Amino acid sequence: MVATDPNTMARGGGTSESRPLFGILWLLLATTLFPVQDVIIKGLSGDLAVHQIVFWRGIFALPLVAAIAWYEGSLWPLKLGSVPLQGLRAGTAFCSYLVYYMALAAIGMAETAAITFSTPIFVTILATIFLGERIGWYRWLAVVMGLVGVVVIVQPGAAVFEPAAVLALLAAVAYAISIICTRRLGSRSNGGAMTLFSVIFFILGGGVLGLIFSGLQTASPHPSLAFLYRDWVAPGATDWLLLMVLGCTSGVGFFALSQAYRLAEASVVTPFEYTYLPWAILWGYLMFGALPGVSTWIGLTLIVGAGLLIVFRETLRGRSVVRRRGLGVLRQR
């Protein structure tokens, strides 16, 4: 998801003008749209390269993202703050989505989403190291509970261990670093600047990876690596349509998230991000005939419980980072 500028929030949806019901409805629209992206990407993973999809997703999303930034009043002046920190933030987000999409090519949507929703756990850990935040025993309990949930799903050492689950875990860690960078940027940047910078980075990053991996001609039996090493091809008519829907869904989803966090405090709407998971399970079953196993259900319950405990605890403490920026997983999606 995209972290909105506090100044923009004050103009468009601060606490004095808070409309939590509308904020929740916008958030629910976003969590309904974003699983559609995962369905499209998983469907395209057998024909197109992951970097090609990232590239065209960015191309089609860019006009919508720019229009949304203009609508929110954050397009100009474009506040970047620290360019190196913006680069680290965009780079880790890019790596996060790249490996997330690679994981989608090999494992179910529910498993991939469940592991990735451990991001708030890693944000909490990294915040103690890089931001000097103090963590009480409630949040440490949530961290341990969430990590246990991840281990239950990933099942390291098991005979049926799937390496793609590690990719989903890496996506969560990389995205947690991106969120820490967002916090460090603070008011030196705004939501429009960060989003446009990220989208442009995604376009350039997808293009560069296309130049690198398309010429390697390395075949792999594993779907995730095949997704990475595949050459760029000319998309068919259906593929072009799906890529355009992918970009439009991204732009509209960003707008819905932005509206949600402008109309209501993050502590109100963030818990509703977990409604993404039922949609991921439903789409995974309808489109690919996949249902989560028992271990995934157990791990998912632990991860969601840990995330909600962190949000609840920080809300009680009145932490401004929760009220302003939130701990959501979808904020840069």
C-alpha atoms as a PDB file:
ATOM      1  CA  MET A   1       0.000   0.000   0.000  1.00  0.00           C
ATOM      2  CA  VAL A   2       0.976   3.587  -0.222  1.00  0.00           C
ATOM      3  CA  ALA A   3       1.717   5.564   2.890  1.00  0.00           C
ATOM      4  CA  THR A   4      -0.178   8.812   2.565  1.00  0.00           C
ATOM      5  CA  ASP A   5       1.347  12.156   3.443  1.00  0.00           C
ATOM      6  CA  PRO A   6       0.288  13.389   6.900  1.00  0.00           C
ATOM      7  CA  ASN A   7      -0.271  16.869   5.478  1.00  0.00           C
ATOM      8  CA  THR A   8      -2.512  15.436   2.786  1.00  0.00           C
ATOM      9  CA  MET A   9      -4.412  13.515   5.428  1.00  0.00           C
ATOM     10  CA  ALA A  10      -4.910  16.664   7.419  1.00  0.00           C
ATOM     11  CA  ARG A  11      -6.464  18.345   4.396  1.00  0.00           C
ATOM     12  CA  GLY A  12      -8.482  15.393   3.121  1.00  0.00           C
ATOM     13  CA  GLY A  13      -9.316  13.120   6.003  1.00  0.00           C
ATOM     14  CA  GLY A  14      -7.907  13.983   9.399  1.00  0.00           C
ATOM     15  CA  THR A  15      -9.488  12.973  12.588  1.00  0.00           C
ATOM     16  CA  SER A  16     -11.764  16.021  12.665  1.00  0.00           C
ATOM     17  CA  GLU A  17     -13.345  14.875   9.410  1.00  0.00           C
ATOM     18  CA  SER A  18     -13.002  11.161   9.997  1.00  0.00           C
ATOM     19  CA  ARG A  19     -15.580   8.972   8.288  1.00  0.00           C
ATOM     20  CA  PRO A  20     -14.653   5.469   9.401  1.00  0.00           C
ATOM     21  CA  LEU A  21     -17.488   3.657   7.614  1.00  0.00           C
ATOM     22  CA  PHE A  22     -16.479   5.089   4.240  1.00  0.00           C
ATOM     23  CA  GLY A  23     -12.839   4.378   5.029  1.00  0.00           C
ATOM     24  CA  ILE A  24     -13.659   0.746   5.740  1.00  0.00           C
ATOM     25  CA  LEU A  25     -15.698   0.465   2.527  1.00  0.00           C
ATOM     26  CA  TRP A  26     -12.805   1.857   0.458  1.00  0.00           C
ATOM     27  CA  LEU A  27     -10.438  -0.567   2.160  1.00  0.00           C
ATOM     28  CA  LEU A  28     -12.753  -3.480   1.410  1.00  0.00           C
ATOM     29  CA  LEU A  29     -12.822  -2.410  -2.249  1.00  0.00           C
ATOM     30  CA  ALA A  30      -9.022  -2.491  -2.299  1.00  0.00           C
ATOM     31  CA  THR A  31      -8.819  -5.939  -0.693  1.00  0.00           C
ATOM     32  CA  THR A  32     -11.348  -7.171  -3.241  1.00  0.00           C
ATOM     33  CA  LEU A  33      -9.334  -5.838  -6.177  1.00  0.00           C
ATOM     34  CA  PHE A  34      -5.809  -6.837  -5.184  1.00  0.00           C
ATOM     35  CA  PRO A  35      -6.406 -10.623  -5.189  1.00  0.00           C
ATOM     36  CA  VAL A  36      -7.489 -10.199  -8.821  1.00  0.00           C
ATOM     37  CA  GLN A  37      -3.911  -9.064  -9.513  1.00  0.00           C
ATOM     38  CA  ASP A  38      -2.564 -12.261  -7.997  1.00  0.00           C
ATOM     39  CA  VAL A  39      -4.947 -14.353 -10.111  1.00  0.00           C
ATOM     40  CA  ILE A  40      -3.775 -12.596 -13.291  1.00  0.00           C
ATOM     41  CA  ILE A  41      -0.085 -12.869 -12.431  1.00  0.00           C
ATOM     42  CA  LYS A  42      -0.366 -16.540 -11.493  1.00  0.00           C
ATOM     43  CA  GLY A  43      -2.259 -17.151 -14.733  1.00  0.00           C
ATOM     44  CA  LEU A  44       0.396 -15.371 -16.820  1.00  0.00           C
ATOM     45  CA  SER A  45       3.311 -17.050 -15.022  1.00  0.00           C
ATOM     46  CA  GLY A  46       3.347 -19.957 -17.457  1.00  0.00           C
ATOM     47  CA  ASP A  47       3.842 -17.774 -20.543  1.00  0.00           C
ATOM     48  CA  LEU A  48       5.452 -14.432 -19.641  1.00  0.00           C
ATOM     49  CA  ALA A  49       8.517 -13.592 -17.565  1.00  0.00           C
ATOM     50  CA  VAL A  50       8.022 -12.066 -14.130  1.00  0.00           C
ATOM     51  CA  HIS A  51      10.093  -8.986 -15.015  1.00  0.00           C
ATOM     52  CA  GLN A  52       8.062  -8.479 -18.190  1.00  0.00           C
ATOM     53  CA  ILE A  53       4.854  -8.512 -16.136  1.00  0.00           C
ATOM     54  CA  VAL A  54       6.336  -6.070 -13.594  1.00  0.00           C
ATOM     55  CA  PHE A  55       7.413  -3.772 -16.433  1.00  0.00           C
ATOM     56  CA  TRP A  56       4.040  -3.625 -18.189  1.00  0.00           C
ATOM     57  CA  ARG A  57       2.150  -3.451 -14.906  1.00  0.00           C
ATOM     58  CA  GLY A  58       4.127  -0.297 -14.116  1.00  0.00           C
ATOM     59  CA  ILE A  59       3.596   1.176 -17.588  1.00  0.00           C
ATOM     60  CA  PHE A  60      -0.172   0.791 -17.414  1.00  0.00           C
ATOM     61  CA  ALA A  61      -0.357   1.882 -13.758  1.00  0.00           C
ATOM     62  CA  LEU A  62       1.767   5.020 -14.160  1.00  0.00           C
ATOM     63  CA  PRO A  63      -0.891   7.326 -15.706  1.00  0.00           C
ATOM     64  CA  LEU A  64      -3.454   6.330 -13.071  1.00  0.00           C
ATOM     65  CA  VAL A  65      -0.997   6.752 -10.205  1.00  0.00           C
ATOM     66  CA  ALA A  66       0.041  10.180 -11.514  1.00  0.00           C
ATOM     67  CA  ALA A  67      -3.617  11.219 -11.826  1.00  0.00           C
ATOM     68  CA  ILE A  68      -4.336  10.056  -8.276  1.00  0.00           C
ATOM     69  CA  ALA A  69      -1.305  11.932  -6.929  1.00  0.00           C
ATOM     70  CA  TRP A  70      -2.521  15.053  -8.729  1.00  0.00           C
ATOM     71  CA  TYR A  71      -6.017  14.580  -7.299  1.00  0.00           C
ATOM     72  CA  GLU A  72      -4.614  14.291  -3.789  1.00  0.00           C
ATOM     73  CA  GLY A  73      -2.479  17.403  -4.240  1.00  0.00           C
ATOM     74  CA  SER A  74       0.816  15.570  -3.767  1.00  0.00           C
ATOM     75  CA  LEU A  75       2.013  15.533  -7.378  1.00  0.00           C
ATOM     76  CA  TRP A  76       3.587  18.972  -7.173  1.00  0.00           C
ATOM     77  CA  PRO A  77       5.764  19.988  -5.465  1.00  0.00           C
ATOM     78  CA  LEU A  78       7.172  16.475  -5.583  1.00  0.00           C
ATOM     79  CA  LYS A  79       8.825  15.928  -2.195  1.00  0.00           C
ATOM     80  CA  LEU A  80      11.404  13.141  -2.384  1.00  0.00           C
ATOM     81  CA  GLY A  81      13.352  13.887   0.784  1.00  0.00           C
ATOM     82  CA  SER A  82      16.400  11.609   0.781  1.00  0.00           C
ATOM     83  CA  VAL A  83      16.929  10.199  -2.722  1.00  0.00           C
ATOM     84  CA  PRO A  84      19.172   7.329  -1.505  1.00  0.00           C
ATOM     85  CA  LEU A  85      16.535   6.374   1.072  1.00  0.00           C
ATOM     86  CA  GLN A  86      13.850   6.572  -1.616  1.00  0.00           C
ATOM     87  CA  GLY A  87      16.010   4.299  -3.753  1.00  0.00           C
ATOM     88  CA  LEU A  88      16.434   1.780  -0.925  1.00  0.00           C
ATOM     89  CA  ARG A  89      12.717   1.902  -0.211  1.00  0.00           C
ATOM     90  CA  ALA A  90      11.730   1.386  -3.852  1.00  0.00           C
ATOM     91  CA  GLY A  91      14.438  -1.248  -4.381  1.00  0.00           C
ATOM     92  CA  THR A  92      13.355  -3.384  -1.440  1.00  0.00           C
ATOM     93  CA  ALA A  93       9.705  -3.043  -2.473  1.00  0.00           C
ATOM     94  CA  PHE A  94      10.680  -4.113  -5.999  1.00  0.00           C
ATOM     95  CA  CYS A  95      12.553  -7.156  -4.665  1.00  0.00           C
ATOM     96  CA  SER A  96       9.603  -7.947  -2.423  1.00  0.00           C
ATOM     97  CA  TYR A  97       7.095  -8.054  -5.246  1.00  0.00           C
ATOM     98  CA  LEU A  98       9.464  -9.838  -7.601  1.00  0.00           C
ATOM     99  CA  VAL A  99       9.957 -12.778  -5.231  1.00  0.00           C
ATOM    100  CA  TYR A 100       6.286 -12.635  -4.180  1.00  0.00           C
ATOM    101  CA  TYR A 101       5.226 -13.120  -7.803  1.00  0.00           C
ATOM    102  CA  MET A 102       7.823 -15.878  -8.213  1.00  0.00           C
ATOM    103  CA  ALA A 103       6.329 -17.651  -5.193  1.00  0.00           C
ATOM    104  CA  LEU A 104       2.853 -17.332  -6.703  1.00  0.00           C
ATOM    105  CA  ALA A 105       4.043 -19.283  -9.736  1.00  0.00           C
ATOM    106  CA  ALA A 106       4.766 -22.334  -7.574  1.00  0.00           C
ATOM    107  CA  ILE A 107       2.473 -22.334  -4.538  1.00  0.00           C
ATOM    108  CA  GLY A 108      -1.128 -21.429  -3.814  1.00  0.00           C
ATOM    109  CA  MET A 109      -2.440 -17.893  -3.455  1.00  0.00           C
ATOM    110  CA  ALA A 110      -3.543 -18.521   0.128  1.00  0.00           C
ATOM    111  CA  GLU A 111      -0.142 -19.830   1.233  1.00  0.00           C
ATOM    112  CA  THR A 112       1.731 -17.001  -0.470  1.00  0.00           C
ATOM    113  CA  ALA A 113      -0.549 -14.318   0.960  1.00  0.00           C
ATOM    114  CA  ALA A 114      -0.549 -15.822   4.452  1.00  0.00           C
ATOM    115  CA  ILE A 115       3.251 -15.882   4.670  1.00  0.00           C
ATOM    116  CA  THR A 116       3.520 -12.355   3.283  1.00  0.00           C
ATOM    117  CA  PHE A 117       1.072 -11.050   5.861  1.00  0.00           C
ATOM    118  CA  SER A 118       3.805 -11.676   8.438  1.00  0.00           C
ATOM    119  CA  THR A 119       5.285  -8.328   7.336  1.00  0.00           C
ATOM    120  CA  PRO A 120       4.122  -6.450  10.494  1.00  0.00           C
ATOM    121  CA  ILE A 121       6.054  -9.005  12.542  1.00  0.00           C
ATOM    122  CA  PHE A 122       9.308  -8.155  10.754  1.00  0.00           C
ATOM    123  CA  VAL A 123       8.522  -4.433  10.849  1.00  0.00           C
ATOM    124  CA  THR A 124       8.282  -4.703  14.626  1.00  0.00           C
ATOM    125  CA  ILE A 125      11.647  -6.499  14.849  1.00  0.00           C
ATOM    126  CA  LEU A 126      13.432  -4.107  12.477  1.00  0.00           C
ATOM    127  CA  ALA A 127      11.967  -1.045  14.192  1.00  0.00           C
ATOM    128  CA  THR A 128      13.842  -1.978  17.366  1.00  0.00           C
ATOM    129  CA  ILE A 129      17.129  -2.119  15.424  1.00  0.00           C
ATOM    130  CA  PHE A 130      16.888   0.828  13.043  1.00  0.00           C
ATOM    131  CA  LEU A 131      14.376   3.147  14.701  1.00  0.00           C
ATOM    132  CA  GLY A 132      15.177   2.480  18.356  1.00  0.00           C
ATOM    133  CA  GLU A 133      11.533   1.687  19.163  1.00  0.00           C
ATOM    134  CA  ARG A 134      10.896  -0.001  22.479  1.00  0.00           C
ATOM    135  CA  ILE A 135       8.840  -3.172  22.351  1.00  0.00           C
ATOM    136  CA  GLY A 136       6.834  -4.429  25.299  1.00  0.00           C
ATOM    137  CA  TRP A 137       6.081  -8.034  26.090  1.00  0.00           C
ATOM    138  CA  TYR A 138       2.697  -7.865  24.289  1.00  0.00           C
ATOM    139  CA  ARG A 139       4.382  -7.146  20.971  1.00  0.00           C
ATOM    140  CA  TRP A 140       7.145  -9.668  21.628  1.00  0.00           C
ATOM    141  CA  LEU A 141       4.410 -12.228  22.238  1.00  0.00           C
ATOM    142  CA  ALA A 142       2.867 -11.241  18.890  1.00  0.00           C
ATOM    143  CA  VAL A 143       6.267 -11.562  17.180  1.00  0.00           C
ATOM    144  CA  VAL A 144       6.810 -15.066  18.539  1.00  0.00           C
ATOM    145  CA  MET A 145       3.243 -16.104  17.674  1.00  0.00           C
ATOM    146  CA  GLY A 146       3.602 -14.790  14.138  1.00  0.00           C
ATOM    147  CA  LEU A 147       6.963 -16.469  13.587  1.00  0.00           C
ATOM    148  CA  VAL A 148       5.527 -19.772  14.792  1.00  0.00           C
ATOM    149  CA  GLY A 149       2.732 -19.312  12.253  1.00  0.00           C
ATOM    150  CA  VAL A 150       5.288 -18.775   9.487  1.00  0.00           C
ATOM    151  CA  VAL A 151       7.209 -21.917  10.474  1.00  0.00           C
ATOM    152  CA  VAL A 152       3.977 -23.950  10.507  1.00  0.00           C
ATOM    153  CA  ILE A 153       3.209 -22.884   6.926  1.00  0.00           C
ATOM    154  CA  VAL A 154       6.741 -23.023   5.495  1.00  0.00           C
ATOM    155  CA  GLN A 155       7.593 -26.335   7.248  1.00  0.00           C
ATOM    156  CA  PRO A 156      11.382 -26.191   6.891  1.00  0.00           C
ATOM    157  CA  GLY A 157      12.949 -29.624   6.903  1.00  0.00           C
ATOM    158  CA  ALA A 158       9.741 -31.393   5.945  1.00  0.00           C
ATOM    159  CA  ALA A 159       9.784 -34.005   3.209  1.00  0.00           C
ATOM    160  CA  VAL A 160       7.297 -31.930   1.189  1.00  0.00           C
ATOM    161  CA  PHE A 161       9.131 -28.641   1.768  1.00  0.00           C
ATOM    162  CA  GLU A 162       8.523 -26.155  -1.068  1.00  0.00           C
ATOM    163  CA  PRO A 163      11.375 -23.653  -1.653  1.00  0.00           C
ATOM    164  CA  ALA A 164       8.899 -21.124  -3.069  1.00  0.00           C
ATOM    165  CA  ALA A 165       7.568 -20.657   0.477  1.00  0.00           C
ATOM    166  CA  VAL A 166      10.950 -19.135   1.346  1.00  0.00           C
ATOM    167  CA  LEU A 167      10.448 -16.651  -1.488  1.00  0.00           C
ATOM    168  CA  ALA A 168       7.184 -15.526   0.100  1.00  0.00           C
ATOM    169  CA  LEU A 169       9.007 -15.148   3.418  1.00  0.00           C
ATOM    170  CA  LEU A 170      11.745 -13.106   1.731  1.00  0.00           C
ATOM    171  CA  ALA A 171       9.002 -10.931   0.242  1.00  0.00           C
ATOM    172  CA  ALA A 172       7.720 -10.178   3.745  1.00  0.00           C
ATOM    173  CA  VAL A 173      11.203  -9.315   5.058  1.00  0.00           C
ATOM    174  CA  ALA A 174      12.068  -7.109   2.056  1.00  0.00           C
ATOM    175  CA  TYR A 175       8.777  -5.290   2.325  1.00  0.00           C
ATOM    176  CA  ALA A 176       9.319  -4.749   6.051  1.00  0.00           C
ATOM    177  CA  ILE A 177      12.597  -2.991   5.188  1.00  0.00           C
ATOM    178  CA  SER A 178      10.681  -0.838   2.695  1.00  0.00           C
ATOM    179  CA  ILE A 179       8.213   0.161   5.428  1.00  0.00           C
ATOM    180  CA  ILE A 180      11.089   1.069   7.772  1.00  0.00           C
ATOM    181  CA  CYS A 181      12.464   3.324   5.015  1.00  0.00           C
ATOM    182  CA  THR A 182       9.034   4.927   4.690  1.00  0.00           C
ATOM    183  CA  ARG A 183       9.045   5.676   8.409  1.00  0.00           C
ATOM    184  CA  ARG A 184      12.544   7.161   8.199  1.00  0.00           C
ATOM    185  CA  LEU A 185      11.457   9.432   5.353  1.00  0.00           C
ATOM    186  CA  GLY A 186       8.578  10.709   7.484  1.00  0.00           C
ATOM    187  CA  SER A 187       7.334  14.166   6.498  1.00  0.00           C
ATOM    188  CA  ARG A 188      10.319  14.759   4.203  1.00  0.00           C
ATOM    189  CA  SER A 189       8.357  13.048   1.440  1.00  0.00           C
ATOM    190  CA  ASN A 190       4.719  12.599   0.501  1.00  0.00           C
ATOM    191  CA  GLY A 191       2.549   9.770  -0.722  1.00  0.00           C
ATOM    192  CA  GLY A 192       2.455  10.912  -4.348  1.00  0.00           C
ATOM    193  CA  ALA A 193       6.238  11.266  -4.563  1.00  0.00           C
ATOM    194  CA  MET A 194       6.895   7.864  -3.006  1.00  0.00           C
ATOM    195  CA  THR A 195       4.362   6.131  -5.223  1.00  0.00           C
ATOM    196  CA  LEU A 196       5.566   7.679  -8.471  1.00  0.00           C
ATOM    197  CA  PHE A 197       9.183   6.988  -7.564  1.00  0.00           C
ATOM    198  CA  SER A 198       8.313   3.344  -6.842  1.00  0.00           C
ATOM    199  CA  VAL A 199       6.334   2.862 -10.060  1.00  0.00           C
ATOM    200  CA  ILE A 200       9.150   4.350 -12.167  1.00  0.00           C
ATOM    201  CA  PHE A 201      11.662   2.174 -10.306  1.00  0.00           C
ATOM    202  CA  PHE A 202       9.515  -0.890 -11.039  1.00  0.00           C
ATOM    203  CA  ILE A 203       9.421  -0.024 -14.745  1.00  0.00           C
ATOM    204  CA  LEU A 204      13.195   0.494 -14.934  1.00  0.00           C
ATOM    205  CA  GLY A 205      13.911  -2.531 -12.745  1.00  0.00           C
ATOM    206  CA  GLY A 206      11.681  -4.783 -14.834  1.00  0.00           C
ATOM    207  CA  GLY A 207      13.361  -3.567 -18.017  1.00  0.00           C
ATOM    208  CA  VAL A 208      16.892  -4.104 -16.670  1.00  0.00           C
ATOM    209  CA  LEU A 209      16.091  -7.607 -15.419  1.00  0.00           C
ATOM    210  CA  GLY A 210      14.576  -8.355 -18.804  1.00  0.00           C
ATOM    211  CA  LEU A 211      17.875  -7.452 -20.465  1.00  0.00           C
ATOM    212  CA  ILE A 212      19.817  -9.590 -17.988  1.00  0.00           C
ATOM    213  CA  PHE A 213      17.758 -12.760 -17.717  1.00  0.00           C
ATOM    214  CA  SER A 214      16.295 -12.929 -21.207  1.00  0.00           C
ATOM    215  CA  GLY A 215      19.730 -13.616 -22.650  1.00  0.00           C
ATOM    216  CA  LEU A 216      20.837 -16.296 -20.202  1.00  0.00           C
ATOM    217  CA  GLN A 217      18.856 -19.102 -21.830  1.00  0.00           C
ATOM    218  CA  THR A 218      18.779 -21.071 -18.583  1.00  0.00           C
ATOM    219  CA  ALA A 219      15.968 -23.565 -18.245  1.00  0.00           C
ATOM    220  CA  SER A 220      14.677 -24.672 -14.860  1.00  0.00           C
ATOM    221  CA  PRO A 221      12.108 -27.281 -13.896  1.00  0.00           C
ATOM    222  CA  HIS A 222      10.991 -25.187 -10.929  1.00  0.00           C
ATOM    223  CA  PRO A 223       8.115 -22.805 -11.787  1.00  0.00           C
ATOM    224  CA  SER A 224       9.558 -19.908  -9.770  1.00  0.00           C
ATOM    225  CA  LEU A 225      12.959 -19.978 -11.501  1.00  0.00           C
ATOM    226  CA  ALA A 226      11.378 -20.613 -14.902  1.00  0.00           C
ATOM    227  CA  PHE A 227       9.259 -17.498 -14.267  1.00  0.00           C
ATOM    228  CA  LEU A 228      12.466 -15.509 -13.701  1.00  0.00           C
ATOM    229  CA  TYR A 229      14.651 -16.867 -16.496  1.00  0.00           C
ATOM    230  CA  ARG A 230      12.028 -16.845 -19.223  1.00  0.00           C
ATOM    231  CA  ASP A 231      12.672 -14.658 -22.296  1.00  0.00           C
ATOM    232  CA  TRP A 232      10.412 -11.739 -23.079  1.00  0.00           C
ATOM    233  CA  VAL A 233       7.854 -12.644 -25.711  1.00  0.00           C
ATOM    234  CA  ALA A 234       5.275 -10.703 -27.659  1.00  0.00           C
ATOM    235  CA  PRO A 235       2.086 -10.925 -25.569  1.00  0.00           C
ATOM    236  CA  GLY A 236      -1.023 -12.169 -27.316  1.00  0.00           C
ATOM    237  CA  ALA A 237      -4.257 -10.204 -27.470  1.00  0.00           C
ATOM    238  CA  THR A 238      -5.565 -11.832 -24.279  1.00  0.00           C
ATOM    239  CA  ASP A 239      -2.254 -11.227 -22.531  1.00  0.00           C
ATOM    240  CA  TRP A 240      -2.345  -7.520 -23.450  1.00  0.00           C
ATOM    241  CA  LEU A 241      -5.852  -7.261 -22.056  1.00  0.00           C
ATOM    242  CA  LEU A 242      -4.809  -8.951 -18.813  1.00  0.00           C
ATOM    243  CA  LEU A 243      -1.743  -6.699 -18.486  1.00  0.00           C
ATOM    244  CA  MET A 244      -3.917  -3.612 -18.910  1.00  0.00           C
ATOM    245  CA  VAL A 245      -6.370  -4.915 -16.312  1.00  0.00           C
ATOM    246  CA  LEU A 246      -3.382  -5.566 -14.046  1.00  0.00           C
ATOM    247  CA  GLY A 247      -2.207  -1.962 -14.337  1.00  0.00           C
ATOM    248  CA  CYS A 248      -5.683  -0.503 -13.942  1.00  0.00           C
ATOM    249  CA  THR A 249      -6.398  -2.701 -10.926  1.00  0.00           C
ATOM    250  CA  SER A 250      -3.182  -1.480  -9.352  1.00  0.00           C
ATOM    251  CA  GLY A 251      -4.087   2.171  -9.934  1.00  0.00           C
ATOM    252  CA  VAL A 252      -7.671   1.856  -8.726  1.00  0.00           C
ATOM    253  CA  GLY A 253      -6.544  -0.237  -5.765  1.00  0.00           C
ATOM    254  CA  PHE A 254      -4.059   2.462  -4.785  1.00  0.00           C
ATOM    255  CA  PHE A 255      -6.800   5.082  -4.991  1.00  0.00           C
ATOM    256  CA  ALA A 256      -9.097   2.972  -2.808  1.00  0.00           C
ATOM    257  CA  LEU A 257      -6.353   2.467  -0.215  1.00  0.00           C
ATOM    258  CA  SER A 258      -5.493   6.134  -0.263  1.00  0.00           C
ATOM    259  CA  GLN A 259      -9.130   7.066   0.299  1.00  0.00           C
ATOM    260  CA  ALA A 260      -9.447   4.510   3.099  1.00  0.00           C
ATOM    261  CA  TYR A 261      -6.524   5.963   5.028  1.00  0.00           C
ATOM    262  CA  ARG A 262      -7.634   9.533   4.378  1.00  0.00           C
ATOM    263  CA  LEU A 263     -11.198   9.007   5.603  1.00  0.00           C
ATOM    264  CA  ALA A 264     -10.381   6.959   8.703  1.00  0.00           C
ATOM    265  CA  GLU A 265      -7.481   6.385  11.051  1.00  0.00           C
ATOM    266  CA  ALA A 266      -5.238   3.462  10.228  1.00  0.00           C
ATOM    267  CA  SER A 267      -6.042   1.788  13.533  1.00  0.00           C
ATOM    268  CA  VAL A 268      -9.660   1.549  12.318  1.00  0.00           C
ATOM    269  CA  VAL A 269      -9.116   0.285   8.774  1.00  0.00           C
ATOM    270  CA  THR A 270      -5.863  -1.714   8.988  1.00  0.00           C
ATOM    271  CA  PRO A 271      -7.512  -4.821  10.557  1.00  0.00           C
ATOM    272  CA  PHE A 272      -9.800  -5.011   7.516  1.00  0.00           C
ATOM    273  CA  GLU A 273      -6.767  -5.628   5.293  1.00  0.00           C
ATOM    274  CA  TYR A 274      -6.964  -9.243   6.437  1.00  0.00           C
ATOM    275  CA  THR A 275     -10.165  -9.609   4.401  1.00  0.00           C
ATOM    276  CA  TYR A 276      -7.689 -10.028   1.539  1.00  0.00           C
ATOM    277  CA  LEU A 277      -7.042 -13.567   2.739  1.00  0.00           C
ATOM    278  CA  PRO A 278     -10.581 -14.998   2.251  1.00  0.00           C
ATOM    279  CA  TRP A 279     -10.570 -13.571  -1.274  1.00  0.00           C
ATOM    280  CA  ALA A 280      -7.182 -15.171  -1.957  1.00  0.00           C
ATOM    281  CA  ILE A 281      -8.497 -18.523  -0.729  1.00  0.00           C
ATOM    282  CA  LEU A 282     -11.685 -18.208  -2.794  1.00  0.00           C
ATOM    283  CA  TRP A 283      -9.913 -17.174  -6.015  1.00  0.00           C
ATOM    284  CA  GLY A 284      -7.288 -19.860  -5.515  1.00  0.00           C
ATOM    285  CA  TYR A 285     -10.030 -22.464  -5.327  1.00  0.00           C
ATOM    286  CA  LEU A 286     -12.192 -21.117  -8.177  1.00  0.00           C
ATOM    287  CA  MET A 287      -9.362 -20.495 -10.648  1.00  0.00           C
ATOM    288  CA  PHE A 288      -6.762 -23.127  -9.722  1.00  0.00           C
ATOM    289  CA  GLY A 289      -8.680 -25.698  -7.672  1.00  0.00           C
ATOM    290  CA  ALA A 290      -6.383 -25.188  -4.678  1.00  0.00           C
ATOM    291  CA  LEU A 291      -7.453 -25.133  -1.040  1.00  0.00           C
ATOM    292  CA  PRO A 292      -5.131 -24.513   1.930  1.00  0.00           C
ATOM    293  CA  GLY A 293      -4.054 -27.508   3.963  1.00  0.00           C
ATOM    294  CA  VAL A 294      -4.504 -27.843   7.711  1.00  0.00           C
ATOM    295  CA  SER A 295      -1.029 -26.458   8.450  1.00  0.00           C
ATOM    296  CA  THR A 296      -1.760 -23.356   6.362  1.00  0.00           C
ATOM    297  CA  TRP A 297      -4.994 -22.718   8.252  1.00  0.00           C
ATOM    298  CA  ILE A 298      -3.187 -23.013  11.580  1.00  0.00           C
ATOM    299  CA  GLY A 299      -0.301 -20.799  10.496  1.00  0.00           C
ATOM    300  CA  LEU A 300      -2.654 -18.272   8.923  1.00  0.00           C
ATOM    301  CA  THR A 301      -4.609 -18.006  12.184  1.00  0.00           C
ATOM    302  CA  LEU A 302      -1.424 -17.392  14.175  1.00  0.00           C
ATOM    303  CA  ILE A 303      -0.104 -14.769  11.722  1.00  0.00           C
ATOM    304  CA  VAL A 304      -3.383 -12.862  11.526  1.00  0.00           C
ATOM    305  CA  GLY A 305      -3.749 -13.003  15.295  1.00  0.00           C
ATOM    306  CA  ALA A 306      -0.222 -11.667  15.753  1.00  0.00           C
ATOM    307  CA  GLY A 307      -0.790  -8.831  13.289  1.00  0.00           C
ATOM    308  CA  LEU A 308      -4.044  -7.803  14.936  1.00  0.00           C
ATOM    309  CA  LEU A 309      -2.415  -7.947  18.373  1.00  0.00           C
ATOM    310  CA  ILE A 310       0.323  -5.555  17.205  1.00  0.00           C
ATOM    311  CA  VAL A 311      -2.230  -3.131  15.741  1.00  0.00           C
ATOM    312  CA  PHE A 312      -4.388  -3.331  18.875  1.00  0.00           C
ATOM    313  CA  ARG A 313      -1.463  -2.813  21.243  1.00  0.00           C
ATOM    314  CA  GLU A 314      -0.046   0.157  19.331  1.00  0.00           C
ATOM    315  CA  THR A 315      -3.501   1.704  19.114  1.00  0.00           C
ATOM    316  CA  LEU A 316      -3.801   1.534  22.901  1.00  0.00           C
ATOM    317  CA  ARG A 317      -0.413   3.217  23.193  1.00  0.00           C
ATOM    318  CA  GLY A 318      -1.580   5.962  20.807  1.00  0.00           C
ATOM    319  CA  ARG A 319       1.462   5.625  18.570  1.00  0.00           C
ATOM    320  CA  SER A 320       1.298   8.206  15.787  1.00  0.00           C
ATOM    321  CA  VAL A 321       2.921   5.818  13.297  1.00  0.00           C
ATOM    322  CA  VAL A 322      -0.161   3.600  13.579  1.00  0.00           C
ATOM    323  CA  ARG A 323      -2.656   6.441  13.320  1.00  0.00           C
ATOM    324  CA  ARG A 324      -0.830   8.084  10.435  1.00  0.00           C
ATOM    325  CA  ARG A 325       0.955   5.404   8.456  1.00  0.00           C
ATOM    326  CA  GLY A 326      -0.266   2.088   9.737  1.00  0.00           C
ATOM    327  CA  LEU A 327       1.327  -1.330   9.676  1.00  0.00           C
ATOM    328  CA  GLY A 328      -0.571  -2.593   6.655  1.00  0.00           C
ATOM    329  CA  VAL A 329       0.807  -5.113   4.227  1.00  0.00           C
ATOM    330  CA  LEU A 330      -0.924  -3.668   1.188  1.00  0.00           C
ATOM    331  CA  ARG A 331       0.313  -0.100   1.499  1.00  0.00           C
ATOM    332  CA  GLN A 332       2.607  -0.270  -1.576  1.00  0.00           C
ATOM    333  CA  ARG A 333       0.782  -2.900  -3.493  1.00  0.00           C
END
